[in-house]
N, C-alpha and C. Protein backbone atom coordinates (compact mmCIF):
# COMPACT_ATOMS: atom_id res chain seq x y z
N UNK A 1 -28.31 -104.08 -237.13
CA UNK A 1 -28.87 -103.92 -235.86
C UNK A 1 -30.67 -103.69 -236.05
N UNK A 2 -31.30 -104.24 -235.41
CA UNK A 2 -32.70 -103.92 -235.84
C UNK A 2 -33.40 -103.07 -234.95
N UNK A 3 -34.33 -102.28 -235.43
CA UNK A 3 -34.98 -101.29 -234.69
C UNK A 3 -36.27 -101.76 -234.05
N UNK A 4 -36.41 -101.41 -232.95
CA UNK A 4 -37.73 -102.01 -232.46
C UNK A 4 -38.59 -100.72 -231.80
N UNK A 5 -40.14 -100.59 -231.77
CA UNK A 5 -40.75 -99.71 -231.20
C UNK A 5 -41.87 -100.25 -230.50
N UNK A 6 -42.27 -99.53 -229.43
CA UNK A 6 -43.03 -100.29 -228.65
C UNK A 6 -43.57 -98.81 -227.54
N UNK A 7 -44.49 -99.15 -226.82
CA UNK A 7 -45.01 -98.20 -225.76
C UNK A 7 -44.79 -98.61 -224.55
N UNK A 8 -44.47 -97.88 -223.66
CA UNK A 8 -44.40 -98.36 -222.04
C UNK A 8 -45.12 -97.18 -221.02
N UNK A 9 -45.46 -97.61 -220.08
CA UNK A 9 -46.30 -96.79 -219.24
C UNK A 9 -45.19 -95.52 -219.10
N UNK A 10 -45.79 -94.44 -218.59
CA UNK A 10 -45.10 -93.03 -218.25
C UNK A 10 -44.01 -93.17 -216.78
N UNK A 11 -44.46 -93.95 -216.12
CA UNK A 11 -43.72 -94.45 -215.06
C UNK A 11 -42.44 -95.08 -215.40
N UNK A 12 -42.37 -95.90 -216.08
CA UNK A 12 -41.12 -96.58 -216.64
C UNK A 12 -40.50 -95.75 -217.74
N UNK A 13 -41.31 -94.61 -218.23
CA UNK A 13 -40.27 -94.01 -219.32
C UNK A 13 -39.68 -92.94 -218.18
N UNK A 14 -40.31 -92.63 -217.30
CA UNK A 14 -39.45 -91.72 -216.09
C UNK A 14 -38.39 -92.19 -215.51
N UNK A 15 -38.87 -93.58 -215.41
CA UNK A 15 -37.41 -94.39 -214.73
C UNK A 15 -36.14 -94.26 -215.40
N UNK A 16 -36.52 -94.67 -216.78
CA UNK A 16 -35.46 -94.80 -217.81
C UNK A 16 -34.89 -93.12 -218.02
N UNK A 17 -35.53 -92.34 -217.98
CA UNK A 17 -35.08 -90.75 -218.19
C UNK A 17 -34.18 -90.45 -216.92
N UNK A 18 -34.60 -91.16 -215.66
CA UNK A 18 -33.85 -90.99 -214.47
C UNK A 18 -32.44 -91.57 -214.74
N UNK A 19 -32.40 -92.75 -215.13
CA UNK A 19 -31.12 -93.53 -215.36
C UNK A 19 -30.42 -92.73 -216.02
N UNK A 20 -30.66 -92.04 -217.28
CA UNK A 20 -29.90 -91.37 -218.37
C UNK A 20 -29.41 -90.00 -217.63
N UNK A 21 -30.15 -89.39 -216.93
CA UNK A 21 -29.90 -88.21 -216.32
C UNK A 21 -28.76 -88.58 -215.18
N UNK A 22 -28.90 -89.63 -214.43
CA UNK A 22 -27.90 -90.10 -213.70
C UNK A 22 -26.45 -90.23 -214.27
N UNK A 23 -26.52 -90.63 -215.39
CA UNK A 23 -25.27 -90.85 -216.20
C UNK A 23 -25.12 -92.44 -216.29
N UNK A 24 -25.81 -92.88 -215.90
CA UNK A 24 -25.87 -94.67 -215.90
C UNK A 24 -25.97 -95.03 -217.40
N UNK A 25 -26.41 -94.45 -218.19
CA UNK A 25 -26.81 -94.74 -219.48
C UNK A 25 -26.86 -93.71 -220.48
N UNK A 26 -26.31 -94.13 -221.90
CA UNK A 26 -26.49 -93.01 -222.94
C UNK A 26 -27.67 -92.65 -223.31
N UNK A 27 -28.38 -93.60 -223.30
CA UNK A 27 -29.82 -93.29 -223.92
C UNK A 27 -30.83 -94.33 -223.57
N UNK A 28 -31.90 -94.33 -224.06
CA UNK A 28 -32.88 -95.39 -223.51
C UNK A 28 -32.59 -96.98 -224.37
N UNK A 29 -31.95 -96.68 -225.36
CA UNK A 29 -31.52 -98.12 -226.30
C UNK A 29 -30.39 -98.51 -225.30
N UNK A 30 -29.37 -97.84 -224.94
CA UNK A 30 -28.20 -98.31 -224.00
C UNK A 30 -28.80 -99.09 -222.88
N UNK A 31 -29.76 -98.43 -222.01
CA UNK A 31 -30.35 -98.97 -220.97
C UNK A 31 -31.00 -100.48 -221.27
N UNK A 32 -31.93 -100.24 -222.27
CA UNK A 32 -32.64 -101.79 -222.62
C UNK A 32 -31.58 -102.86 -222.98
N UNK A 33 -30.29 -102.21 -223.69
CA UNK A 33 -29.65 -103.49 -224.38
C UNK A 33 -28.94 -104.21 -222.85
N UNK A 34 -28.43 -103.22 -221.96
CA UNK A 34 -28.10 -103.64 -220.72
C UNK A 34 -28.97 -104.70 -219.97
N UNK A 35 -30.05 -104.20 -219.89
CA UNK A 35 -31.41 -105.11 -219.12
C UNK A 35 -31.53 -106.37 -219.86
N UNK A 36 -31.30 -106.40 -221.40
CA UNK A 36 -31.38 -107.72 -221.88
C UNK A 36 -30.27 -108.44 -221.83
N UNK A 37 -28.71 -107.76 -221.83
CA UNK A 37 -27.75 -108.63 -221.42
C UNK A 37 -27.86 -109.43 -219.86
N UNK A 38 -28.32 -108.48 -219.00
CA UNK A 38 -28.18 -108.96 -217.80
C UNK A 38 -29.28 -110.30 -217.50
N UNK A 39 -30.65 -110.04 -218.19
CA UNK A 39 -31.58 -110.74 -218.19
C UNK A 39 -31.29 -112.23 -218.84
N UNK A 40 -30.24 -112.13 -219.95
CA UNK A 40 -29.60 -113.33 -220.74
C UNK A 40 -28.74 -114.21 -219.66
N UNK A 41 -27.55 -113.14 -219.20
CA UNK A 41 -26.82 -113.94 -218.15
C UNK A 41 -27.50 -114.55 -216.84
N UNK A 42 -28.86 -113.79 -216.44
CA UNK A 42 -29.44 -114.44 -215.45
C UNK A 42 -29.95 -115.70 -215.80
N UNK A 43 -30.54 -115.85 -217.02
CA UNK A 43 -31.11 -117.08 -217.58
C UNK A 43 -29.98 -118.15 -217.83
N UNK A 44 -28.81 -117.83 -218.23
CA UNK A 44 -27.96 -118.72 -218.31
C UNK A 44 -27.51 -119.35 -216.88
N UNK A 45 -26.91 -118.45 -215.96
CA UNK A 45 -26.72 -119.00 -214.72
C UNK A 45 -27.83 -119.83 -214.28
N UNK A 46 -29.01 -119.41 -214.48
CA UNK A 46 -30.11 -120.41 -213.80
C UNK A 46 -30.29 -121.82 -214.48
N UNK A 47 -30.23 -121.69 -215.72
CA UNK A 47 -29.95 -123.06 -216.49
C UNK A 47 -28.69 -123.88 -215.81
N UNK A 48 -27.58 -123.13 -215.58
CA UNK A 48 -26.37 -124.01 -215.23
C UNK A 48 -26.95 -124.51 -213.80
N UNK A 49 -27.41 -123.91 -213.12
CA UNK A 49 -27.77 -124.20 -211.54
C UNK A 49 -28.83 -125.64 -211.76
N UNK A 50 -29.71 -125.55 -212.59
CA UNK A 50 -30.74 -126.39 -212.78
C UNK A 50 -29.92 -127.68 -213.06
N UNK A 51 -29.11 -127.60 -214.25
CA UNK A 51 -28.13 -128.64 -214.54
C UNK A 51 -27.48 -129.44 -213.48
N UNK A 52 -26.87 -128.66 -212.48
CA UNK A 52 -26.14 -129.04 -211.31
C UNK A 52 -27.11 -129.53 -210.55
N UNK A 53 -28.46 -129.21 -210.25
CA UNK A 53 -29.15 -129.62 -209.37
C UNK A 53 -29.75 -131.31 -209.89
N UNK A 54 -29.86 -131.20 -211.10
CA UNK A 54 -30.31 -132.45 -211.82
C UNK A 54 -29.15 -133.74 -211.70
N UNK A 55 -27.91 -133.21 -211.88
CA UNK A 55 -26.78 -134.04 -211.72
C UNK A 55 -26.60 -134.53 -210.32
N UNK A 56 -26.84 -133.43 -209.54
CA UNK A 56 -27.10 -133.99 -208.01
C UNK A 56 -27.88 -135.00 -207.72
N UNK A 57 -29.30 -134.76 -208.01
CA UNK A 57 -30.53 -135.79 -207.93
C UNK A 57 -30.07 -137.17 -208.75
N UNK A 58 -29.62 -136.95 -209.82
CA UNK A 58 -29.34 -138.11 -210.54
C UNK A 58 -28.36 -139.14 -209.95
N UNK A 59 -27.41 -138.54 -209.02
CA UNK A 59 -26.31 -139.25 -208.55
C UNK A 59 -26.48 -139.97 -207.41
N UNK A 60 -27.84 -139.72 -206.73
CA UNK A 60 -28.58 -140.34 -205.56
C UNK A 60 -28.30 -139.75 -204.24
N UNK A 61 -29.09 -140.40 -203.32
CA UNK A 61 -29.03 -139.87 -202.27
C UNK A 61 -28.37 -140.85 -201.30
N UNK A 62 -27.76 -140.60 -200.16
CA UNK A 62 -27.26 -141.23 -198.83
C UNK A 62 -27.86 -141.44 -197.85
N UNK A 63 -28.11 -142.41 -197.47
CA UNK A 63 -28.96 -142.83 -195.91
C UNK A 63 -28.18 -142.19 -194.76
N UNK A 64 -26.98 -142.07 -194.99
CA UNK A 64 -25.99 -141.70 -193.72
C UNK A 64 -26.44 -140.16 -193.46
N UNK A 65 -26.10 -139.80 -191.85
CA UNK A 65 -25.98 -138.43 -191.63
C UNK A 65 -24.70 -137.74 -192.22
N UNK A 66 -25.08 -136.42 -192.56
CA UNK A 66 -23.92 -135.69 -192.88
C UNK A 66 -22.33 -135.98 -192.10
N UNK A 67 -22.95 -135.79 -190.98
CA UNK A 67 -21.53 -135.78 -190.12
C UNK A 67 -20.87 -137.26 -189.95
N UNK A 68 -21.68 -138.24 -190.12
CA UNK A 68 -21.27 -139.48 -189.95
C UNK A 68 -20.28 -139.81 -191.47
N UNK A 69 -20.81 -139.01 -192.44
CA UNK A 69 -20.20 -139.43 -193.86
C UNK A 69 -18.81 -138.48 -193.63
N UNK A 70 -18.85 -137.47 -193.04
CA UNK A 70 -17.61 -136.67 -193.08
C UNK A 70 -16.55 -137.33 -192.37
N UNK A 71 -17.07 -137.84 -191.06
CA UNK A 71 -16.26 -138.61 -190.35
C UNK A 71 -15.57 -139.79 -190.83
N UNK A 72 -16.47 -140.34 -191.66
CA UNK A 72 -15.78 -141.56 -192.53
C UNK A 72 -14.78 -141.05 -193.65
N UNK A 73 -15.05 -139.96 -193.97
CA UNK A 73 -13.90 -139.47 -195.15
C UNK A 73 -12.85 -139.18 -194.34
N UNK A 74 -12.50 -138.39 -193.48
CA UNK A 74 -11.45 -138.14 -192.60
C UNK A 74 -10.89 -139.23 -192.04
N UNK A 75 -11.51 -140.34 -191.60
CA UNK A 75 -10.83 -141.26 -191.00
C UNK A 75 -10.27 -142.20 -192.56
N UNK A 76 -10.82 -142.32 -193.53
CA UNK A 76 -9.89 -143.00 -194.47
C UNK A 76 -9.21 -142.25 -195.11
N UNK A 77 -9.16 -140.90 -195.15
CA UNK A 77 -7.98 -139.94 -195.62
C UNK A 77 -6.82 -140.30 -194.42
N UNK A 78 -7.08 -140.32 -192.94
CA UNK A 78 -6.08 -140.40 -192.10
C UNK A 78 -5.39 -141.91 -192.32
N UNK A 79 -6.22 -142.80 -192.87
CA UNK A 79 -5.89 -144.39 -192.93
C UNK A 79 -4.66 -144.28 -194.15
N UNK A 80 -5.02 -143.37 -195.17
CA UNK A 80 -4.19 -143.55 -196.56
C UNK A 80 -2.82 -142.74 -196.23
N UNK A 81 -2.91 -141.66 -195.23
CA UNK A 81 -1.82 -140.74 -195.34
C UNK A 81 -1.39 -141.05 -193.50
N UNK A 82 -1.80 -141.80 -193.01
CA UNK A 82 -1.40 -141.52 -191.59
C UNK A 82 -0.41 -142.59 -191.25
C-alpha cells in the first residue's frame, strides 16, 4: 500500500473528523478510500451510460412519432399471435 501526504483546508479536516466521530469511518484513510471507490464507481457508470448513448445514436433516428411506432409494434405482434 502507498502512503500519501497532503494538506487540506481546516473545514474539510473538520468534516472528516465529524464523519469519524459519527462512526461512519474508522479513520481519515478509511474515509478517503471510500470516497475514491465511490468516485471510481461513478466514473465507470458514467462511461457505461456514454457508451449506451453512443450506441443509441449510432443506431439512427426514426422519423415516426413514438405513439405511431408503438401502435405499429402492437399491431404486428397481434398479427403474429392473433
